């Protein structure tokens, strides 16, 4: 799949993508009393549970001078958006079989629809997180905006994986089940609950081979430690090599398998 041509195609369908993203959010919470608020309550409850377990139960001390809830939440927010997008997109073709079967539909935009819908919630959670920062006496700063770069990086990496797993799952239904297990393991292999410094230095290189490490650590450095992104140029170069490779592979596999989707559904 030619990435430039594909990018133009996505731009052409931008109106449809935005409209379907809003419909996706409405459909998720249709019939519920709280509606869209549930998309905020769920991550907030997750944060509060981890905060209670580690700060109150296990009495984990602040990481340096950073309260645990800020240290943890800064990394959890991008992880939750990334992992949820990946899990939903693995089943996105089967979930929209009526579109794939009955009309000429650009199925490659479906994973992007999920991503846009999840980003809406992500921005709301970021606003709440910044409110928590202010409550802890940490003023907002211009460097916080570099999280937008890491957000973009998360989106590109997530899209490559989404196209790949969405296409494979049409033919191998176990893909979504296996991915659920992998996501759980992946969470603990990523320094979200813990800091990099708790591990011996010989393990740091292994952590940095994990592409999502670049993103969660980038969010932390944007909000908590306020370290400019150019301090990690080599790590950034490695991340983009892996990510663009995954984007090309995911797009290629999706394009090759797309003609057989309708037959398999």
Protein backbone atom coordinates (compact mmCIF):
# COMPACT_ATOMS: atom_id res chain seq x y z
CA UNK A 1 0.00 0.00 0.00
CA UNK A 2 1.59 3.25 -1.12
CA UNK A 3 1.66 5.32 2.06
CA UNK A 4 1.43 8.70 0.32
CA UNK A 5 -1.51 7.60 -1.80
CA UNK A 6 -3.14 6.03 1.19
CA UNK A 7 -2.68 9.22 3.19
CA UNK A 8 -4.49 11.13 0.45
CA UNK A 9 -7.28 8.59 0.56
CA UNK A 10 -7.69 9.04 4.30
CA UNK A 11 -7.81 12.81 3.80
CA UNK A 12 -10.52 12.38 1.17
CA UNK A 13 -12.65 10.39 3.62
CA UNK A 14 -11.95 12.70 6.59
CA UNK A 15 -15.60 13.77 6.83
CA UNK A 16 -16.83 10.18 6.89
CA UNK A 17 -14.18 9.24 9.47
CA UNK A 18 -15.22 12.07 11.81
CA UNK A 19 -18.91 11.28 11.43
CA UNK A 20 -18.41 7.56 12.01
CA UNK A 21 -16.20 8.27 15.05
CA UNK A 22 -18.99 10.26 16.69
CA UNK A 23 -21.49 7.52 15.83
CA UNK A 24 -19.09 4.96 17.31
CA UNK A 25 -19.01 6.79 20.64
CA UNK A 26 -22.79 7.13 20.66
CA UNK A 27 -23.23 3.44 19.84
CA UNK A 28 -20.88 2.30 22.63
CA UNK A 29 -22.98 3.97 25.31
CA UNK A 30 -26.42 3.83 23.72
CA UNK A 31 -29.08 2.98 26.27
CA UNK A 32 -26.92 3.79 29.29
CA UNK A 33 -27.91 6.48 31.77
CA UNK A 34 -24.50 8.14 32.00
CA UNK A 35 -23.70 7.83 28.27
CA UNK A 36 -20.32 9.30 27.28
CA UNK A 37 -19.48 9.89 30.94
CA UNK A 38 -18.81 6.14 31.26
CA UNK A 39 -15.81 6.55 28.97
CA UNK A 40 -14.39 8.91 31.60
CA UNK A 41 -15.51 6.99 34.69
CA UNK A 42 -13.82 3.74 33.62
CA UNK A 43 -10.24 5.11 33.33
CA UNK A 44 -10.74 7.25 36.44
CA UNK A 45 -11.76 4.20 38.45
CA UNK A 46 -8.73 2.31 37.12
CA UNK A 47 -6.43 5.14 38.22
CA UNK A 48 -8.06 5.33 41.65
CA UNK A 49 -7.79 1.54 42.17
CA UNK A 50 -4.07 1.53 41.35
CA UNK A 51 -3.56 4.64 43.49
CA UNK A 52 -5.30 2.98 46.45
CA UNK A 53 -3.41 -0.31 46.07
CA UNK A 54 0.05 1.19 45.65
CA UNK A 55 -0.19 4.43 47.63
CA UNK A 56 -2.52 3.42 50.47
CA UNK A 57 -2.19 -0.37 50.60
CA UNK A 58 1.45 -0.95 49.68
CA UNK A 59 2.46 2.59 50.71
CA UNK A 60 4.66 3.14 47.70
CA UNK A 61 6.69 6.28 48.28
CA UNK A 62 6.61 9.17 45.80
CA UNK A 63 8.98 8.71 42.85
CA UNK A 64 11.52 11.40 43.71
CA UNK A 65 9.35 14.41 44.48
CA UNK A 66 6.55 13.21 42.19
CA UNK A 67 3.32 11.92 43.79
CA UNK A 68 2.60 8.36 42.65
CA UNK A 69 -0.77 9.25 41.13
CA UNK A 70 0.89 11.75 38.76
CA UNK A 71 3.79 9.43 37.95
CA UNK A 72 1.39 6.57 37.21
CA UNK A 73 -1.40 8.47 35.45
CA UNK A 74 0.93 10.23 33.01
CA UNK A 75 1.98 6.84 31.62
CA UNK A 76 -1.35 5.05 32.00
CA UNK A 77 -3.34 7.48 29.83
CA UNK A 78 -1.49 6.80 26.54
CA UNK A 79 -1.31 3.08 27.34
CA UNK A 80 -5.09 2.84 27.86
CA UNK A 81 -5.82 4.62 24.59
CA UNK A 82 -3.28 2.50 22.71
CA UNK A 83 -4.36 -0.86 24.16
CA UNK A 84 -8.10 -0.17 23.83
CA UNK A 85 -7.68 0.95 20.22
CA UNK A 86 -5.71 -2.19 19.41
CA UNK A 87 -8.23 -4.54 21.05
CA UNK A 88 -11.27 -2.93 19.40
CA UNK A 89 -9.61 -2.71 15.99
CA UNK A 90 -8.69 -6.39 15.99
CA UNK A 91 -12.42 -7.14 15.70
CA UNK A 92 -13.39 -4.03 13.73
CA UNK A 93 -13.84 -5.79 10.36
CA UNK A 94 -16.14 -8.49 11.75
CA UNK A 95 -18.06 -5.89 13.75
CA UNK A 96 -18.78 -3.97 10.54
CA UNK A 97 -19.49 -6.95 8.31
CA UNK A 98 -22.65 -5.28 7.02
CA UNK A 99 -20.55 -2.50 5.50
CA UNK A 100 -17.95 -4.86 4.06
CA UNK A 101 -20.52 -7.16 2.41
CA UNK A 102 -23.19 -4.85 1.06
CA UNK A 103 -21.34 -1.96 -0.56
CA UNK A 104 -18.06 -0.74 -1.94
CA UNK A 105 -16.69 0.58 1.33
CA UNK A 106 -13.15 1.76 2.18
CA UNK A 107 -12.65 -0.75 4.99
CA UNK A 108 -9.15 0.58 5.71
CA UNK A 109 -10.70 3.65 7.40
CA UNK A 110 -12.47 1.55 10.06
CA UNK A 111 -9.42 1.24 12.37
CA UNK A 112 -8.90 4.99 12.05
CA UNK A 113 -12.52 5.60 13.08
CA UNK A 114 -11.88 3.69 16.31
CA UNK A 115 -8.68 5.63 16.91
CA UNK A 116 -10.40 9.02 16.44
CA UNK A 117 -13.22 8.00 18.78
CA UNK A 118 -10.72 6.94 21.44
CA UNK A 119 -8.72 10.14 21.01
CA UNK A 120 -11.79 12.18 21.94
CA UNK A 121 -11.89 10.38 25.28
CA UNK A 122 -8.11 10.70 25.54
CA UNK A 123 -8.27 14.50 25.31
CA UNK A 124 -10.94 14.61 28.01
CA UNK A 125 -8.79 12.45 30.29
CA UNK A 126 -5.76 14.65 29.60
CA UNK A 127 -7.77 17.67 30.72
CA UNK A 128 -8.71 15.87 33.93
CA UNK A 129 -5.09 14.82 34.46
CA UNK A 130 -3.92 18.42 34.11
CA UNK A 131 -6.54 19.36 36.69
CA UNK A 132 -5.02 16.80 39.06
CA UNK A 133 -1.60 18.31 38.39
CA UNK A 134 -2.86 21.73 39.36
CA UNK A 135 -4.44 20.27 42.50
CA UNK A 136 -0.99 18.95 43.49
CA UNK A 137 0.50 22.40 42.98
CA UNK A 138 2.23 21.68 39.67
CA UNK A 139 1.74 24.50 37.21
CA UNK A 140 1.19 23.83 33.54
CA UNK A 141 4.03 24.73 31.18
CA UNK A 142 4.65 25.12 27.46
CA UNK A 143 6.63 21.87 27.37
CA UNK A 144 3.43 19.98 28.21
CA UNK A 145 2.43 20.49 24.57
CA UNK A 146 5.11 18.07 23.40
CA UNK A 147 2.72 15.31 24.50
CA UNK A 148 0.98 16.02 21.17
CA UNK A 149 4.06 14.69 19.39
CA UNK A 150 4.01 11.51 21.49
CA UNK A 151 0.27 11.24 20.90
CA UNK A 152 0.90 11.34 17.15
CA UNK A 153 3.62 8.70 17.57
CA UNK A 154 1.16 6.51 19.49
CA UNK A 155 -1.42 6.90 16.71
CA UNK A 156 0.99 5.92 13.93
CA UNK A 157 2.31 2.89 15.82
CA UNK A 158 -1.22 1.85 16.78
CA UNK A 159 -2.51 2.14 13.22
CA UNK A 160 0.17 -0.13 11.80
CA UNK A 161 -0.65 -2.82 14.37
CA UNK A 162 -4.40 -2.25 13.93
CA UNK A 163 -4.34 -2.84 10.17
CA UNK A 164 -2.21 -5.95 10.66
CA UNK A 165 -4.30 -7.59 13.40
CA UNK A 166 -7.65 -6.51 11.92
CA UNK A 167 -6.79 -8.23 8.64
CA UNK A 168 -5.38 -11.40 10.25
CA UNK A 169 -8.34 -11.72 12.64
CA UNK A 170 -10.76 -12.10 9.72
CA UNK A 171 -9.02 -15.40 8.90
CA UNK A 172 -7.76 -16.42 12.36
CA UNK A 173 -10.39 -15.71 15.00
CA UNK A 174 -7.98 -16.62 17.80
CA UNK A 175 -6.02 -13.46 17.07
CA UNK A 176 -8.15 -11.28 19.37
CA UNK A 177 -7.92 -13.81 22.21
CA UNK A 178 -4.16 -14.14 21.93
CA UNK A 179 -3.78 -10.38 21.69
CA UNK A 180 -5.72 -9.96 24.95
CA UNK A 181 -3.14 -12.11 26.72
CA UNK A 182 -0.26 -10.29 25.03
CA UNK A 183 -1.68 -6.90 26.06
CA UNK A 184 -1.77 -7.97 29.72
CA UNK A 185 1.86 -9.14 29.60
CA UNK A 186 2.87 -6.07 27.60
CA UNK A 187 1.45 -3.80 30.31
CA UNK A 188 3.79 -5.21 32.96
CA UNK A 189 6.77 -5.19 30.60
CA UNK A 190 6.24 -1.45 30.17
CA UNK A 191 7.30 0.89 33.03
CA UNK A 192 3.85 2.25 33.82
CA UNK A 193 3.33 1.22 37.43
CA UNK A 194 7.06 1.24 38.17
CA UNK A 195 9.95 3.46 37.15
CA UNK A 196 12.88 2.47 34.97
CA UNK A 197 15.32 3.02 37.84
CA UNK A 198 13.85 0.19 39.93
CA UNK A 199 15.44 -2.30 37.52
CA UNK A 200 19.16 -3.03 37.18
CA UNK A 201 20.83 -1.06 34.41
CA UNK A 202 21.42 -4.15 32.28
CA UNK A 203 17.64 -4.43 31.82
CA UNK A 204 17.18 -0.83 30.66
CA UNK A 205 18.14 -1.63 27.08
CA UNK A 206 15.48 -4.37 27.00
CA UNK A 207 12.83 -1.92 28.19
CA UNK A 208 13.84 0.56 25.51
CA UNK A 209 13.41 -2.05 22.77
CA UNK A 210 9.70 -1.93 23.60
CA UNK A 211 8.30 0.77 21.23
CA UNK A 212 5.53 1.77 23.63
CA UNK A 213 8.21 2.64 26.20
CA UNK A 214 9.11 5.68 24.07
CA UNK A 215 5.51 6.88 24.25
CA UNK A 216 4.69 6.36 27.94
CA UNK A 217 8.06 7.75 29.00
CA UNK A 218 7.51 10.67 26.64
CA UNK A 219 4.21 11.51 28.32
CA UNK A 220 5.91 11.39 31.71
CA UNK A 221 8.70 13.64 30.52
CA UNK A 222 6.19 16.06 28.98
CA UNK A 223 4.16 16.50 32.16
CA UNK A 224 6.15 15.27 35.16
CA UNK A 225 9.88 15.64 34.46
CA UNK A 226 9.64 18.26 31.70
CA UNK A 227 12.48 16.87 29.61
CA UNK A 228 12.52 18.00 25.95
CA UNK A 229 12.03 15.23 23.41
CA UNK A 230 15.31 15.93 21.56
CA UNK A 231 17.20 14.53 24.54
CA UNK A 232 16.31 11.07 23.18
CA UNK A 233 17.18 11.40 19.51
CA UNK A 234 18.60 7.88 19.15
CA UNK A 235 15.66 6.30 20.95
CA UNK A 236 13.33 8.38 18.80
CA UNK A 237 15.09 7.24 15.62
CA UNK A 238 14.75 3.60 16.69
CA UNK A 239 11.06 4.11 17.49
CA UNK A 240 10.27 5.62 14.09
CA UNK A 241 12.19 2.93 12.21
CA UNK A 242 10.14 0.25 13.98
CA UNK A 243 6.89 2.20 13.68
CA UNK A 244 7.14 3.08 9.99
CA UNK A 245 8.13 -0.51 9.24
CA UNK A 246 5.08 -1.72 11.13
CA UNK A 247 2.89 0.83 9.34
CA UNK A 248 4.13 -0.40 5.95
CA UNK A 249 3.73 -4.07 6.90
CA UNK A 250 0.27 -3.55 8.39
CA UNK A 251 -0.90 -1.57 5.38
CA UNK A 252 0.50 -4.12 2.94
CA UNK A 253 -1.11 -7.10 4.70
CA UNK A 254 -4.44 -5.28 4.94
CA UNK A 255 -4.35 -4.42 1.23
CA UNK A 256 -3.48 -7.99 0.21
CA UNK A 257 -6.20 -9.61 2.34
CA UNK A 258 -8.92 -6.98 1.86
CA UNK A 259 -10.43 -8.55 -1.34
CA UNK A 260 -11.26 -11.72 0.63
CA UNK A 261 -12.88 -10.05 3.65
CA UNK A 262 -16.47 -10.26 2.35
CA UNK A 263 -16.08 -13.95 1.51
CA UNK A 264 -14.72 -14.83 4.96
CA UNK A 265 -17.30 -12.88 6.99
